[in-house]
C-alpha atoms as a PDB file:
ATOM      1  CA  MET A   1       0.065   0.159   0.315  1.00  0.00           C
ATOM      2  CA  ASP A   2       1.418   3.269  -0.837  1.00  0.00           C
ATOM      3  CA  LYS A   3       1.663   6.138   1.682  1.00  0.00           C
ATOM      4  CA  ALA A   4      -1.590   8.002   0.350  1.00  0.00           C
ATOM      5  CA  GLY A   5      -3.333   4.695   0.949  1.00  0.00           C
ATOM      6  CA  LEU A   6      -2.024   4.154   4.431  1.00  0.00           C
ATOM      7  CA  ASN A   7      -3.168   7.613   5.406  1.00  0.00           C
ATOM      8  CA  TYR A   8      -6.347   7.155   3.998  1.00  0.00           C
ATOM      9  CA  VAL A   9      -6.705   3.955   6.086  1.00  0.00           C
ATOM     10  CA  THR A  10      -5.410   5.404   9.173  1.00  0.00           C
ATOM     11  CA  ASP A  11      -7.738   8.491   8.806  1.00  0.00           C
ATOM     12  CA  ALA A  12     -10.582   6.411   8.442  1.00  0.00           C
ATOM     13  CA  LEU A  13      -9.545   4.290  11.262  1.00  0.00           C
ATOM     14  CA  MET A  14      -8.957   7.173  13.461  1.00  0.00           C
ATOM     15  CA  ALA A  15     -12.453   8.793  12.824  1.00  0.00           C
ATOM     16  CA  LEU A  16     -14.179   5.413  13.738  1.00  0.00           C
ATOM     17  CA  SER A  17     -12.176   5.254  16.896  1.00  0.00           C
ATOM     18  CA  LEU A  18     -12.843   8.575  17.738  1.00  0.00           C
ATOM     19  CA  ILE A  19     -17.125   8.059  17.340  1.00  0.00           C
ATOM     20  CA  PHE A  20     -16.702   4.690  19.560  1.00  0.00           C
ATOM     21  CA  THR A  21     -14.766   6.760  21.864  1.00  0.00           C
ATOM     22  CA  ALA A  22     -17.108   9.864  21.908  1.00  0.00           C
ATOM     23  CA  ALA A  23     -20.366   7.812  22.177  1.00  0.00           C
ATOM     24  CA  SER A  24     -19.173   5.169  24.976  1.00  0.00           C
ATOM     25  CA  GLY A  25     -17.825   8.350  26.856  1.00  0.00           C
ATOM     26  CA  PHE A  26     -21.632  10.221  26.460  1.00  0.00           C
ATOM     27  CA  ILE A  27     -23.277   6.893  27.352  1.00  0.00           C
ATOM     28  CA  LEU A  28     -20.973   6.641  30.559  1.00  0.00           C
ATOM     29  CA  LEU A  29     -21.378  10.085  31.491  1.00  0.00           C
ATOM     30  CA  PHE A  30     -25.194  10.421  30.928  1.00  0.00           C
ATOM     31  CA  PHE A  31     -26.655   6.917  31.148  1.00  0.00           C
ATOM     32  CA  LEU A  32     -24.342   4.544  33.657  1.00  0.00           C
ATOM     33  CA  PRO A  33     -23.369   7.383  36.141  1.00  0.00           C
ATOM     34  CA  TYR A  34     -20.635   6.977  38.441  1.00  0.00           C
ATOM     35  CA  GLY A  35     -21.292   6.704  42.464  1.00  0.00           C
ATOM     36  CA  ILE A  36     -21.901   4.469  45.042  1.00  0.00           C
ATOM     37  CA  ARG A  37     -25.648   4.232  44.681  1.00  0.00           C
ATOM     38  CA  GLN A  38     -25.775   3.453  41.361  1.00  0.00           C
ATOM     39  CA  GLY A  39     -24.147   0.041  41.645  1.00  0.00           C
ATOM     40  CA  ARG A  40     -22.088  -2.157  39.227  1.00  0.00           C
ATOM     41  CA  LEU A  41     -24.830  -4.358  37.481  1.00  0.00           C
ATOM     42  CA  GLN A  42     -26.105  -1.307  35.482  1.00  0.00           C
ATOM     43  CA  GLU A  43     -26.827  -2.149  31.702  1.00  0.00           C
ATOM     44  CA  PHE A  44     -27.314   0.058  28.538  1.00  0.00           C
ATOM     45  CA  LEU A  45     -28.030  -1.359  25.445  1.00  0.00           C
ATOM     46  CA  GLY A  46     -27.319  -4.775  26.541  1.00  0.00           C
ATOM     47  CA  LEU A  47     -23.842  -3.970  27.620  1.00  0.00           C
ATOM     48  CA  SER A  48     -23.108  -3.861  31.195  1.00  0.00           C
ATOM     49  CA  LYS A  49     -21.118  -0.847  32.616  1.00  0.00           C
ATOM     50  CA  GLN A  50     -17.847  -2.703  32.599  1.00  0.00           C
ATOM     51  CA  ALA A  51     -18.313  -3.572  29.291  1.00  0.00           C
ATOM     52  CA  TRP A  52     -18.904   0.197  28.076  1.00  0.00           C
ATOM     53  CA  ILE A  53     -15.786   1.026  30.049  1.00  0.00           C
ATOM     54  CA  MET A  54     -14.086  -1.604  28.091  1.00  0.00           C
ATOM     55  CA  VAL A  55     -15.380  -0.259  24.767  1.00  0.00           C
ATOM     56  CA  HIS A  56     -14.286   3.100  25.810  1.00  0.00           C
ATOM     57  CA  ASP A  57     -10.586   2.646  26.926  1.00  0.00           C
ATOM     58  CA  LEU A  58      -9.834   0.215  24.161  1.00  0.00           C
ATOM     59  CA  SER A  59     -11.038   2.674  21.346  1.00  0.00           C
ATOM     60  CA  GLY A  60      -9.313   5.265  23.176  1.00  0.00           C
ATOM     61  CA  LEU A  61      -6.084   3.621  23.145  1.00  0.00           C
ATOM     62  CA  ILE A  62      -6.633   2.751  19.571  1.00  0.00           C
ATOM     63  CA  LEU A  63      -6.981   6.260  19.020  1.00  0.00           C
ATOM     64  CA  VAL A  64      -3.862   7.299  20.392  1.00  0.00           C
ATOM     65  CA  ILE A  65      -1.908   4.633  18.633  1.00  0.00           C
ATOM     66  CA  LEU A  66      -3.433   5.685  15.060  1.00  0.00           C
ATOM     67  CA  VAL A  67      -2.780   9.340  16.064  1.00  0.00           C
ATOM     68  CA  ILE A  68       0.797   8.378  16.403  1.00  0.00           C
ATOM     69  CA  VAL A  69       0.874   6.879  13.229  1.00  0.00           C
ATOM     70  CA  HIS A  70      -0.965   9.627  11.380  1.00  0.00           C
ATOM     71  CA  LEU A  71       1.755  12.067  13.249  1.00  0.00           C
ATOM     72  CA  SER A  72       4.411   9.707  11.997  1.00  0.00           C
ATOM     73  CA  LEU A  73       3.245   9.879   7.948  1.00  0.00           C
ATOM     74  CA  HIS A  74       3.001  13.925   8.405  1.00  0.00           C
ATOM     75  CA  TRP A  75       6.229  13.963  10.371  1.00  0.00           C
ATOM     76  CA  ARG A  76       8.671  16.014   7.511  1.00  0.00           C
ATOM     77  CA  TRP A  77       5.429  18.169   6.887  1.00  0.00           C
ATOM     78  CA  ALA A  78       5.155  19.157  10.606  1.00  0.00           C
ATOM     79  CA  VAL A  79       8.527  19.937  10.834  1.00  0.00           C
ATOM     80  CA  SER A  80       8.857  21.761   7.612  1.00  0.00           C
ATOM     81  CA  MET A  81       5.990  24.126   8.672  1.00  0.00           C
ATOM     82  CA  THR A  82       7.574  24.373  12.038  1.00  0.00           C
ATOM     83  CA  LYS A  83      10.305  25.650  10.590  1.00  0.00           C
ATOM     84  CA  LYS A  84       8.982  27.934   8.026  1.00  0.00           C
ATOM     85  CA  TYR A  85       6.520  30.118  10.901  1.00  0.00           C
ATOM     86  CA  PHE A  86       8.698  29.810  13.845  1.00  0.00           C
ATOM     87  CA  PHE A  87      12.689  29.953  12.714  1.00  0.00           C
END
């Protein structure tokens, strides 16, 4: 796969991971709140609170890895632009 194709796949997966991270964070914040009275056996859309936490954590980790890949693909451009505007 050429660099443009790899960049496209990376960006598409990054967007998908961002959607999963944001949606699961929204669900955890508003539908499965924390607190001692809330209990651990809460469910939303058939998944337990612990499963939503795992989805959120894994999608966030995948997002971080993809951001690192994205930055490495554009490293020379970022260095070039930084030199152009700051040095």
